[in-house]
C-alpha atoms as a PDB file:
ATOM      1  CA  MET A   1       9.477  15.531  -0.187  1.00  0.00           C
ATOM      2  CA  PRO A   2      11.250  18.795   0.604  1.00  0.00           C
ATOM      3  CA  LEU A   3      11.229  20.009  -2.991  1.00  0.00           C
ATOM      4  CA  LEU A   4       7.453  20.485  -2.921  1.00  0.00           C
ATOM      5  CA  ASN A   5       6.042  23.836  -1.852  1.00  0.00           C
ATOM      6  CA  ASN A   6       3.097  24.179   0.518  1.00  0.00           C
ATOM      7  CA  GLU A   7       0.584  24.383  -2.306  1.00  0.00           C
ATOM      8  CA  LYS A   8       1.742  21.126  -3.918  1.00  0.00           C
ATOM      9  CA  ARG A   9       2.037  19.393  -0.547  1.00  0.00           C
ATOM     10  CA  SER A  10      -1.547  20.322   0.292  1.00  0.00           C
ATOM     11  CA  LEU A  11      -2.727  19.231  -3.156  1.00  0.00           C
ATOM     12  CA  LEU A  12      -1.007  15.847  -2.819  1.00  0.00           C
ATOM     13  CA  ALA A  13      -2.367  15.321   0.682  1.00  0.00           C
ATOM     14  CA  PHE A  14      -5.857  16.212  -0.553  1.00  0.00           C
ATOM     15  CA  LEU A  15      -5.775  13.826  -3.527  1.00  0.00           C
ATOM     16  CA  THR A  16      -4.168  10.986  -1.579  1.00  0.00           C
ATOM     17  CA  SER A  17      -6.733  11.256   1.197  1.00  0.00           C
ATOM     18  CA  LYS A  18      -9.443  10.820  -1.450  1.00  0.00           C
ATOM     19  CA  ALA A  19      -7.661   7.711  -2.752  1.00  0.00           C
ATOM     20  CA  LEU A  20      -7.308   6.400   0.811  1.00  0.00           C
ATOM     21  CA  ALA A  21     -11.058   6.696   1.315  1.00  0.00           C
ATOM     22  CA  PHE A  22     -11.539   4.144  -1.481  1.00  0.00           C
ATOM     23  CA  SER A  23      -8.758   1.889  -0.165  1.00  0.00           C
ATOM     24  CA  TYR A  24     -10.320   1.984   3.291  1.00  0.00           C
ATOM     25  CA  LYS A  25     -13.664   0.760   1.970  1.00  0.00           C
ATOM     26  CA  GLU A  26     -11.945  -2.112   0.148  1.00  0.00           C
ATOM     27  CA  GLN A  27     -10.626  -3.472   3.446  1.00  0.00           C
ATOM     28  CA  PHE A  28     -14.087  -4.758   4.304  1.00  0.00           C
ATOM     29  CA  PHE A  29     -14.005  -7.153   1.345  1.00  0.00           C
ATOM     30  CA  PRO A  30     -12.040 -10.398   1.886  1.00  0.00           C
ATOM     31  CA  GLN A  31      -9.092 -10.993  -0.461  1.00  0.00           C
ATOM     32  CA  ILE A  32      -9.640 -14.349  -2.165  1.00  0.00           C
ATOM     33  CA  PHE A  33      -6.342 -13.920  -4.000  1.00  0.00           C
ATOM     34  CA  PRO A  34      -3.517 -12.656  -1.743  1.00  0.00           C
ATOM     35  CA  PHE A  35      -2.214  -9.905  -4.013  1.00  0.00           C
ATOM     36  CA  PHE A  36      -5.415  -8.930  -5.817  1.00  0.00           C
ATOM     37  CA  LYS A  37      -7.384  -5.793  -4.971  1.00  0.00           C
ATOM     38  CA  ILE A  38     -10.228  -4.089  -6.767  1.00  0.00           C
ATOM     39  CA  GLY A  39      -8.186  -0.904  -6.903  1.00  0.00           C
ATOM     40  CA  LEU A  40     -10.898   1.735  -6.619  1.00  0.00           C
ATOM     41  CA  SER A  41      -8.260   4.208  -5.436  1.00  0.00           C
ATOM     42  CA  ASN A  42      -7.025   4.280  -9.042  1.00  0.00           C
ATOM     43  CA  ALA A  43     -10.066   6.414  -9.816  1.00  0.00           C
ATOM     44  CA  VAL A  44      -8.186   9.332  -8.261  1.00  0.00           C
ATOM     45  CA  ILE A  45      -5.130   8.533 -10.400  1.00  0.00           C
ATOM     46  CA  LEU A  46      -7.311   8.582 -13.511  1.00  0.00           C
ATOM     47  CA  LYS A  47      -8.414  12.119 -12.607  1.00  0.00           C
ATOM     48  CA  SER A  48      -4.858  13.415 -12.125  1.00  0.00           C
ATOM     49  CA  PHE A  49      -3.332  13.269 -15.614  1.00  0.00           C
ATOM     50  CA  ASP A  50      -3.568  17.042 -16.039  1.00  0.00           C
ATOM     51  CA  PHE A  51      -0.963  17.648 -13.327  1.00  0.00           C
ATOM     52  CA  SER A  52       2.759  17.797 -14.033  1.00  0.00           C
ATOM     53  CA  TYR A  53       4.545  14.444 -13.979  1.00  0.00           C
ATOM     54  CA  SER A  54       6.458  15.379 -10.820  1.00  0.00           C
ATOM     55  CA  VAL A  55       3.201  15.905  -8.920  1.00  0.00           C
ATOM     56  CA  PHE A  56       1.622  12.829 -10.526  1.00  0.00           C
ATOM     57  CA  PHE A  57       4.620  10.629  -9.680  1.00  0.00           C
ATOM     58  CA  ALA A  58       4.637  11.890  -6.088  1.00  0.00           C
ATOM     59  CA  LEU A  59       0.915  11.117  -5.877  1.00  0.00           C
ATOM     60  CA  CYS A  60       1.489   7.503  -6.987  1.00  0.00           C
ATOM     61  CA  VAL A  61       4.292   7.050  -4.446  1.00  0.00           C
ATOM     62  CA  LEU A  62       2.377   8.682  -1.612  1.00  0.00           C
ATOM     63  CA  LYS A  63      -0.791   6.711  -2.412  1.00  0.00           C
ATOM     64  CA  SER A  64       1.138   3.448  -2.145  1.00  0.00           C
ATOM     65  CA  PHE A  65       2.762   4.354   1.185  1.00  0.00           C
ATOM     66  CA  ALA A  66      -0.425   5.748   2.718  1.00  0.00           C
ATOM     67  CA  ALA A  67      -2.662   2.892   1.528  1.00  0.00           C
ATOM     68  CA  CYS A  68      -0.294   0.271   2.945  1.00  0.00           C
ATOM     69  CA  THR A  69      -0.096   2.253   6.190  1.00  0.00           C
ATOM     70  CA  ILE A  70      -3.830   2.242   6.878  1.00  0.00           C
ATOM     71  CA  SER A  71      -4.331  -1.327   5.569  1.00  0.00           C
ATOM     72  CA  GLY A  72      -1.498  -2.656   7.729  1.00  0.00           C
ATOM     73  CA  THR A  73       0.769  -4.084   5.022  1.00  0.00           C
ATOM     74  CA  LEU A  74       3.582  -1.506   5.092  1.00  0.00           C
ATOM     75  CA  PHE A  75       6.205  -3.951   6.426  1.00  0.00           C
ATOM     76  CA  SER A  76       5.161  -6.905   4.289  1.00  0.00           C
ATOM     77  CA  PRO A  77       5.898  -8.002   0.699  1.00  0.00           C
ATOM     78  CA  PHE A  78       2.490  -6.635  -0.225  1.00  0.00           C
ATOM     79  CA  PHE A  79       3.967  -3.147   0.028  1.00  0.00           C
ATOM     80  CA  ILE A  80       6.525  -3.963  -2.675  1.00  0.00           C
ATOM     81  CA  VAL A  81       3.744  -5.147  -4.974  1.00  0.00           C
ATOM     82  CA  SER A  82       1.654  -2.071  -4.202  1.00  0.00           C
ATOM     83  CA  PHE A  83       4.579   0.274  -4.794  1.00  0.00           C
ATOM     84  CA  VAL A  84       5.576  -1.274  -8.145  1.00  0.00           C
ATOM     85  CA  GLN A  85       1.971  -1.391  -9.322  1.00  0.00           C
ATOM     86  CA  SER A  86       1.200   2.172  -8.303  1.00  0.00           C
ATOM     87  CA  VAL A  87       4.342   3.822  -9.697  1.00  0.00           C
ATOM     88  CA  PHE A  88       4.852   1.884 -12.912  1.00  0.00           C
ATOM     89  CA  SER A  89       1.226   1.375 -13.947  1.00  0.00           C
ATOM     90  CA  GLY A  90       0.531   5.037 -13.154  1.00  0.00           C
ATOM     91  CA  SER A  91       3.543   6.171 -15.194  1.00  0.00           C
ATOM     92  CA  LEU A  92       2.466   3.947 -18.088  1.00  0.00           C
ATOM     93  CA  MET A  93      -1.048   5.398 -18.097  1.00  0.00           C
ATOM     94  CA  TYR A  94       0.357   8.929 -17.816  1.00  0.00           C
ATOM     95  CA  ALA A  95       2.612   8.371 -20.848  1.00  0.00           C
ATOM     96  CA  VAL A  96      -0.144   6.827 -22.984  1.00  0.00           C
ATOM     97  CA  ASN A  97      -2.496   9.641 -22.018  1.00  0.00           C
ATOM     98  CA  LYS A  98      -0.105  12.098 -23.678  1.00  0.00           C
ATOM     99  CA  LEU A  99      -0.899  10.453 -27.045  1.00  0.00           C
ATOM    100  CA  HIS A 100      -4.435  11.885 -26.835  1.00  0.00           C
ATOM    101  CA  ARG A 101      -5.849   8.740 -28.432  1.00  0.00           C
ATOM    102  CA  ASN A 102      -7.416   7.045 -25.475  1.00  0.00           C
ATOM    103  CA  SER A 103     -10.321   6.953 -23.079  1.00  0.00           C
ATOM    104  CA  VAL A 104     -10.603   6.707 -19.323  1.00  0.00           C
ATOM    105  CA  PHE A 105     -11.758   3.108 -19.691  1.00  0.00           C
ATOM    106  CA  GLY A 106      -8.853   2.240 -21.987  1.00  0.00           C
ATOM    107  CA  LEU A 107      -6.288   3.792 -19.649  1.00  0.00           C
ATOM    108  CA  SER A 108      -7.853   2.059 -16.659  1.00  0.00           C
ATOM    109  CA  ALA A 109      -7.771  -1.310 -18.439  1.00  0.00           C
ATOM    110  CA  LEU A 110      -4.125  -0.760 -19.413  1.00  0.00           C
ATOM    111  CA  GLY A 111      -3.098   0.006 -15.843  1.00  0.00           C
ATOM    112  CA  ALA A 112      -5.105  -2.894 -14.438  1.00  0.00           C
ATOM    113  CA  ALA A 113      -3.594  -5.355 -16.946  1.00  0.00           C
ATOM    114  CA  PHE A 114      -0.075  -4.203 -16.062  1.00  0.00           C
ATOM    115  CA  SER A 115      -0.872  -4.601 -12.366  1.00  0.00           C
ATOM    116  CA  ALA A 116      -2.157  -8.145 -12.961  1.00  0.00           C
ATOM    117  CA  VAL A 117       1.110  -9.101 -14.669  1.00  0.00           C
ATOM    118  CA  VAL A 118       3.108  -7.610 -11.774  1.00  0.00           C
ATOM    119  CA  GLN A 119       1.062  -9.607  -9.262  1.00  0.00           C
ATOM    120  CA  ILE A 120       1.528 -12.898 -11.099  1.00  0.00           C
ATOM    121  CA  LEU A 121       5.269 -12.294 -11.520  1.00  0.00           C
ATOM    122  CA  PHE A 122       5.653 -11.484  -7.834  1.00  0.00           C
ATOM    123  CA  CYS A 123       3.632 -14.530  -6.728  1.00  0.00           C
ATOM    124  CA  SER A 124       5.699 -16.754  -9.024  1.00  0.00           C
ATOM    125  CA  PHE A 125       8.919 -15.290  -7.650  1.00  0.00           C
ATOM    126  CA  TYR A 126       7.877 -15.627  -4.017  1.00  0.00           C
ATOM    127  CA  MET A 127       6.521 -19.175  -4.342  1.00  0.00           C
ATOM    128  CA  LYS A 128       9.237 -20.201  -6.827  1.00  0.00           C
ATOM    129  CA  GLN A 129       6.615 -21.729  -9.119  1.00  0.00           C
ATOM    130  CA  ASP A 130       5.239 -20.867 -12.531  1.00  0.00           C
ATOM    131  CA  LEU A 131       1.816 -19.360 -11.865  1.00  0.00           C
ATOM    132  CA  SER A 132       1.218 -18.024 -15.367  1.00  0.00           C
ATOM    133  CA  VAL A 133      -1.832 -20.291 -15.567  1.00  0.00           C
ATOM    134  CA  PHE A 134      -3.573 -17.760 -13.298  1.00  0.00           C
ATOM    135  CA  LEU A 135      -2.813 -14.812 -15.573  1.00  0.00           C
ATOM    136  CA  GLY A 136      -5.974 -15.339 -17.645  1.00  0.00           C
ATOM    137  CA  PRO A 137      -8.356 -15.211 -14.662  1.00  0.00           C
ATOM    138  CA  MET A 138      -6.410 -12.286 -13.200  1.00  0.00           C
ATOM    139  CA  LEU A 139      -6.743 -10.316 -16.428  1.00  0.00           C
ATOM    140  CA  PHE A 140     -10.469 -11.064 -16.440  1.00  0.00           C
ATOM    141  CA  PHE A 141     -10.904  -9.771 -12.882  1.00  0.00           C
ATOM    142  CA  SER A 142      -8.686  -6.793 -13.746  1.00  0.00           C
ATOM    143  CA  LEU A 143     -10.926  -5.912 -16.682  1.00  0.00           C
ATOM    144  CA  PHE A 144     -13.918  -5.879 -14.335  1.00  0.00           C
ATOM    145  CA  SER A 145     -12.103  -3.757 -11.748  1.00  0.00           C
ATOM    146  CA  SER A 146     -10.819  -1.351 -14.429  1.00  0.00           C
ATOM    147  CA  VAL A 147     -14.356  -0.696 -15.696  1.00  0.00           C
ATOM    148  CA  LEU A 148     -15.486  -0.087 -12.126  1.00  0.00           C
ATOM    149  CA  SER A 149     -12.580   2.284 -11.397  1.00  0.00           C
ATOM    150  CA  ALA A 150     -13.135   4.218 -14.635  1.00  0.00           C
ATOM    151  CA  SER A 151     -16.862   4.554 -13.908  1.00  0.00           C
ATOM    152  CA  VAL A 152     -16.073   5.953 -10.459  1.00  0.00           C
ATOM    153  CA  ALA A 153     -13.463   8.313 -11.948  1.00  0.00           C
ATOM    154  CA  LEU A 154     -15.999   9.783 -14.363  1.00  0.00           C
ATOM    155  CA  LYS A 155     -18.252  10.658 -11.437  1.00  0.00           C
ATOM    156  CA  LEU A 156     -15.517  12.182  -9.282  1.00  0.00           C
ATOM    157  CA  LYS A 157     -15.537  15.937  -8.793  1.00  0.00           C
ATOM    158  CA  PHE A 158     -12.895  17.567  -6.625  1.00  0.00           C
ATOM    159  CA  ASP A 159     -13.450  20.818  -4.752  1.00  0.00           C
ATOM    160  CA  PHE A 160      -9.914  22.242  -4.772  1.00  0.00           C
ATOM    161  CA  SER A 161     -11.127  25.429  -3.075  1.00  0.00           C
ATOM    162  CA  SER A 162     -11.223  23.497   0.207  1.00  0.00           C
ATOM    163  CA  ILE A 163      -7.473  22.870   0.123  1.00  0.00           C
ATOM    164  CA  ASP A 164      -5.563  24.771   2.791  1.00  0.00           C
ATOM    165  CA  ASP A 165      -2.010  25.602   1.712  1.00  0.00           C
ATOM    166  CA  SER A 166      -1.306  28.020   4.522  1.00  0.00           C
ATOM    167  CA  GLY A 167       1.004  25.535   6.225  1.00  0.00           C
ATOM    168  CA  ASP A 168       1.875  25.935   9.903  1.00  0.00           C
ATOM    169  CA  SER A 169       2.775  29.631   9.807  1.00  0.00           C
ATOM    170  CA  SER A 170      -0.243  30.815  11.800  1.00  0.00           C
ATOM    171  CA  CYS A 171       1.546  31.027  15.135  1.00  0.00           C
ATOM    172  CA  LYS A 172       4.638  33.094  15.785  1.00  0.00           C
ATOM    173  CA  LYS A 173       7.350  31.910  18.165  1.00  0.00           C
ATOM    174  CA  SER A 174      10.308  33.497  19.807  1.00  0.00           C
ATOM    175  CA  VAL A 175      13.790  32.595  18.594  1.00  0.00           C
ATOM    176  CA  GLY A 176      14.530  30.529  21.701  1.00  0.00           C
ATOM    177  CA  SER A 177      11.290  28.538  21.624  1.00  0.00           C
ATOM    178  CA  GLU A 178      11.629  28.060  17.866  1.00  0.00           C
ATOM    179  CA  GLN A 179      15.112  26.588  18.237  1.00  0.00           C
ATOM    180  CA  LYS A 180      13.874  24.342  21.016  1.00  0.00           C
ATOM    181  CA  SER A 181      10.986  23.227  18.842  1.00  0.00           C
ATOM    182  CA  ILE A 182      13.368  22.437  15.970  1.00  0.00           C
ATOM    183  CA  GLN A 183      15.580  20.369  18.269  1.00  0.00           C
ATOM    184  CA  GLU A 184      12.574  18.440  19.574  1.00  0.00           C
ATOM    185  CA  LYS A 185      11.396  17.759  16.035  1.00  0.00           C
ATOM    186  CA  GLN A 186      14.836  16.526  14.988  1.00  0.00           C
ATOM    187  CA  MET A 187      15.000  14.248  18.034  1.00  0.00           C
ATOM    188  CA  SER A 188      11.511  12.945  17.288  1.00  0.00           C
ATOM    189  CA  LYS A 189      12.423  12.263  13.663  1.00  0.00           C
ATOM    190  CA  THR A 190      15.620  10.478  14.711  1.00  0.00           C
ATOM    191  CA  LYS A 191      13.677   8.184  17.045  1.00  0.00           C
ATOM    192  CA  PHE A 192      11.100   7.586  14.328  1.00  0.00           C
ATOM    193  CA  TYR A 193      13.723   6.617  11.725  1.00  0.00           C
ATOM    194  CA  ILE A 194      15.480   4.296  14.192  1.00  0.00           C
ATOM    195  CA  LEU A 195      12.151   2.613  14.978  1.00  0.00           C
ATOM    196  CA  ILE A 196      11.305   2.197  11.290  1.00  0.00           C
ATOM    197  CA  PHE A 197      14.798   0.804  10.609  1.00  0.00           C
ATOM    198  CA  CYS A 198      14.441  -1.779  13.405  1.00  0.00           C
ATOM    199  CA  ILE A 199      10.953  -2.851  12.319  1.00  0.00           C
ATOM    200  CA  THR A 200      12.043  -3.122   8.679  1.00  0.00           C
ATOM    201  CA  GLY A 201      15.101  -5.139   9.682  1.00  0.00           C
ATOM    202  CA  PHE A 202      12.998  -7.554  11.733  1.00  0.00           C
ATOM    203  CA  SER A 203      10.373  -7.953   8.976  1.00  0.00           C
ATOM    204  CA  VAL A 204      13.120  -8.735   6.439  1.00  0.00           C
ATOM    205  CA  ALA A 205      14.891 -11.138   8.816  1.00  0.00           C
ATOM    206  CA  ILE A 206      11.679 -13.168   9.174  1.00  0.00           C
ATOM    207  CA  PHE A 207      11.972 -14.248   5.545  1.00  0.00           C
ATOM    208  CA  PHE A 208      15.352 -15.883   6.192  1.00  0.00           C
ATOM    209  CA  VAL A 209      14.093 -18.046   9.059  1.00  0.00           C
ATOM    210  CA  LYS A 210      13.434 -21.687   8.126  1.00  0.00           C
ATOM    211  CA  ASN A 211      12.624 -23.274  11.490  1.00  0.00           C
ATOM    212  CA  LEU A 212       8.859 -23.839  11.692  1.00  0.00           C
ATOM    213  CA  ILE A 213       8.790 -23.632  15.497  1.00  0.00           C
ATOM    214  CA  LEU A 214      10.659 -20.315  15.489  1.00  0.00           C
ATOM    215  CA  LEU A 215       8.367 -18.933  12.778  1.00  0.00           C
ATOM    216  CA  THR A 216       5.345 -19.991  14.818  1.00  0.00           C
ATOM    217  CA  ILE A 217       6.759 -18.174  17.861  1.00  0.00           C
ATOM    218  CA  PHE A 218       7.380 -15.066  15.741  1.00  0.00           C
ATOM    219  CA  LEU A 219       3.793 -15.213  14.503  1.00  0.00           C
ATOM    220  CA  ALA A 220       2.486 -15.463  18.070  1.00  0.00           C
ATOM    221  CA  VAL A 221       4.598 -12.454  19.091  1.00  0.00           C
ATOM    222  CA  CYS A 222       3.407 -10.397  16.102  1.00  0.00           C
ATOM    223  CA  LEU A 223      -0.220 -11.318  16.811  1.00  0.00           C
ATOM    224  CA  CYS A 224       0.242 -10.217  20.429  1.00  0.00           C
ATOM    225  CA  LEU A 225       1.631  -6.889  19.213  1.00  0.00           C
ATOM    226  CA  GLN A 226      -1.370  -6.525  16.930  1.00  0.00           C
ATOM    227  CA  PHE A 227      -3.693  -7.308  19.846  1.00  0.00           C
ATOM    228  CA  PHE A 228      -2.057  -4.726  22.132  1.00  0.00           C
ATOM    229  CA  ALA A 229      -2.250  -2.175  19.314  1.00  0.00           C
ATOM    230  CA  LYS A 230      -6.016  -2.824  19.311  1.00  0.00           C
ATOM    231  CA  ARG A 231      -5.947  -3.636  15.623  1.00  0.00           C
ATOM    232  CA  LYS A 232      -8.724  -5.970  14.473  1.00  0.00           C
ATOM    233  CA  PHE A 233      -7.544  -9.439  13.449  1.00  0.00           C
ATOM    234  CA  ARG A 234      -8.989 -10.405  10.059  1.00  0.00           C
ATOM    235  CA  LEU A 235      -8.939 -14.200  10.189  1.00  0.00           C
ATOM    236  CA  LEU A 236     -10.604 -14.660   6.803  1.00  0.00           C
ATOM    237  CA  ASN A 237      -7.803 -12.866   4.940  1.00  0.00           C
ATOM    238  CA  HIS A 238      -5.193 -15.088   6.601  1.00  0.00           C
ATOM    239  CA  LEU A 239      -7.199 -18.212   5.751  1.00  0.00           C
ATOM    240  CA  PHE A 240      -7.437 -17.202   2.078  1.00  0.00           C
ATOM    241  CA  LEU A 241      -3.708 -16.462   2.103  1.00  0.00           C
ATOM    242  CA  TRP A 242      -2.811 -19.867   3.568  1.00  0.00           C
ATOM    243  CA  ALA A 243      -5.230 -21.682   1.263  1.00  0.00           C
ATOM    244  CA  PHE A 244      -3.744 -20.018  -1.809  1.00  0.00           C
ATOM    245  CA  ILE A 245      -0.104 -20.671  -0.894  1.00  0.00           C
ATOM    246  CA  ILE A 246      -0.585 -24.261   0.289  1.00  0.00           C
ATOM    247  CA  LEU A 247      -3.234 -25.539  -2.133  1.00  0.00           C
ATOM    248  CA  VAL A 248      -1.975 -23.984  -5.392  1.00  0.00           C
ATOM    249  CA  PRO A 249       0.917 -26.495  -5.801  1.00  0.00           C
ATOM    250  CA  PHE A 250      -1.564 -29.366  -5.498  1.00  0.00           C
ATOM    251  CA  LEU A 251      -3.714 -27.817  -8.207  1.00  0.00           C
ATOM    252  CA  LEU A 252      -0.578 -27.669 -10.372  1.00  0.00           C
ATOM    253  CA  ASN A 253       0.276 -31.312  -9.570  1.00  0.00           C
ATOM    254  CA  GLN A 254       3.355 -30.291  -7.612  1.00  0.00           C
ATOM    255  CA  ASN A 255       2.583 -32.124  -4.382  1.00  0.00           C
ATOM    256  CA  SER A 256       5.582 -33.217  -2.354  1.00  0.00           C
ATOM    257  CA  SER A 257       6.123 -33.196   1.407  1.00  0.00           C
ATOM    258  CA  GLU A 258       9.179 -30.957   1.015  1.00  0.00           C
ATOM    259  CA  LEU A 259       7.250 -28.416  -1.039  1.00  0.00           C
ATOM    260  CA  LEU A 260       4.370 -28.517   1.463  1.00  0.00           C
ATOM    261  CA  LEU A 261       6.716 -27.668   4.348  1.00  0.00           C
ATOM    262  CA  GLU A 262       8.295 -24.833   2.372  1.00  0.00           C
ATOM    263  CA  ASN A 263       4.900 -23.366   1.516  1.00  0.00           C
ATOM    264  CA  ILE A 264       3.878 -23.539   5.181  1.00  0.00           C
ATOM    265  CA  ARG A 265       7.014 -21.510   5.934  1.00  0.00           C
ATOM    266  CA  ARG A 266       6.044 -18.996   3.253  1.00  0.00           C
ATOM    267  CA  ALA A 267       2.537 -18.675   4.663  1.00  0.00           C
ATOM    268  CA  LEU A 268       3.898 -18.220   8.206  1.00  0.00           C
ATOM    269  CA  ARG A 269       6.303 -15.522   7.045  1.00  0.00           C
ATOM    270  CA  LEU A 270       3.556 -13.585   5.280  1.00  0.00           C
ATOM    271  CA  SER A 271       1.217 -13.867   8.268  1.00  0.00           C
ATOM    272  CA  CYS A 272       4.026 -12.638  10.542  1.00  0.00           C
ATOM    273  CA  SER A 273       4.744  -9.623   8.353  1.00  0.00           C
ATOM    274  CA  ILE A 274       1.047  -8.768   8.071  1.00  0.00           C
ATOM    275  CA  ALA A 275       0.455  -9.009  11.839  1.00  0.00           C
ATOM    276  CA  LEU A 276       3.561  -6.876  12.462  1.00  0.00           C
ATOM    277  CA  SER A 277       2.392  -4.314   9.917  1.00  0.00           C
ATOM    278  CA  GLN A 278      -1.045  -4.237  11.498  1.00  0.00           C
ATOM    279  CA  ALA A 279       0.505  -3.465  14.886  1.00  0.00           C
ATOM    280  CA  CYS A 280       2.598  -0.685  13.343  1.00  0.00           C
ATOM    281  CA  THR A 281      -0.445   1.226  12.089  1.00  0.00           C
ATOM    282  CA  LYS A 282      -0.382   2.962  15.488  1.00  0.00           C
ATOM    283  CA  ILE A 283       3.021   4.504  14.761  1.00  0.00           C
ATOM    284  CA  LYS A 284       2.847   8.285  14.541  1.00  0.00           C
ATOM    285  CA  PHE A 285       4.670   9.782  11.567  1.00  0.00           C
ATOM    286  CA  PRO A 286       6.603  13.073  11.913  1.00  0.00           C
ATOM    287  CA  LYS A 287       4.081  15.906  12.233  1.00  0.00           C
ATOM    288  CA  ASN A 288       5.037  17.816   9.063  1.00  0.00           C
ATOM    289  CA  SER A 289       5.620  14.769   6.840  1.00  0.00           C
ATOM    290  CA  MET A 290       3.480  14.139   3.781  1.00  0.00           C
ATOM    291  CA  ILE A 291       2.183  10.862   5.237  1.00  0.00           C
ATOM    292  CA  ALA A 292       1.090  12.599   8.454  1.00  0.00           C
ATOM    293  CA  LEU A 293      -0.635  15.393   6.519  1.00  0.00           C
ATOM    294  CA  THR A 294      -2.372  12.866   4.284  1.00  0.00           C
ATOM    295  CA  LEU A 295      -3.565  10.712   7.186  1.00  0.00           C
ATOM    296  CA  LYS A 296      -4.830  13.843   8.958  1.00  0.00           C
ATOM    297  CA  ASN A 297      -6.944  14.769   5.925  1.00  0.00           C
ATOM    298  CA  PHE A 298      -8.110  11.166   5.617  1.00  0.00           C
ATOM    299  CA  ASN A 299      -9.178  10.959   9.271  1.00  0.00           C
ATOM    300  CA  GLU A 300     -11.139  14.191   8.904  1.00  0.00           C
ATOM    301  CA  GLU A 301     -12.879  12.800   5.834  1.00  0.00           C
ATOM    302  CA  VAL A 302     -13.877   9.406   7.236  1.00  0.00           C
END
C-alpha cells in the first residue's frame, strides 16, 4: 500500500491489530459450520465509519489478510470467503451509514446477513449442491453474532495517542550502507514473492487432483509441514469440516457412492489447504509491509 503515508499506515496497523485480537480469541472455539465465524473482529469495523473510504477499504482488506494469516487459512478457500465478506459487507455497511438513518445494531445485522449469504453461496458452489436450506439457520446465528459484535463495538474505546507514526527514520545511514540495505530488502522481497507464488500455485493445484491416494499423500505431507512448523493441529475443526461435507448430502437425500467419493475428495482438499496454510504462518513478511507492521502490533498486544 505505497499510497498511504506513515500516519495512515500506523493507524491501519493499530486498528487491524485490535481486530486481530478478537479473531485470535475466536480460534479457541470449534467451528461447527466450516465457513461460519462469530465475527467479533467486525466490532472494530463498526467503529471505523468516520474514516475516509480509502482508509476504511484498506482496513477491510488488511483485516482479511491478517486474520487469515494468524488463523492459518491464507492459502485455502476460506481466505476467499473471508476477503469477499470483509470487503463487500464492510463497503455495504459504510454506504448505508452515510444515510444517517441507522444504528450500530442495524448496521451489524446488515453486514452479518450479507456475510451469511456469501457463505451459503460459496458452500453451494464448492459442493455443487443447493444448500439454501441452511440459509435460515445461518441468518439466525448471524443475528446473534451481529448483536454480540455491536455490543462489543459500543464498549470499544481507542487510544489513538499511542500510535507511533514516526516510521523507521530514527537511525541515519551512510549512502553506501543505505544502498546495500535497499538491495538486501529487494532481494528479500523477491524471494518472498517467489515463495508465495509457489505456495499459492501448489494450493490451487491440489483442487484439480482427483486421485484419492495422491490427495491422501498430499495431506500427509502438509500435516508434516504443519508439525515441523510447530503449529498446533486442531483435530476437532477438521472433524467438523469432514462431517459437514460428507453428511450434508445424506441429510438432503442425495446419497450416492459417486457423490460420497467426490465429497471425500473435497474434504481432503480442504484439509490439505488448511494444513499447508497452518505451516505457512511461520513465513516472515517483508519488514516494512503493512502485514508485518500489523502482526508486530498484534504480537505486542497479546
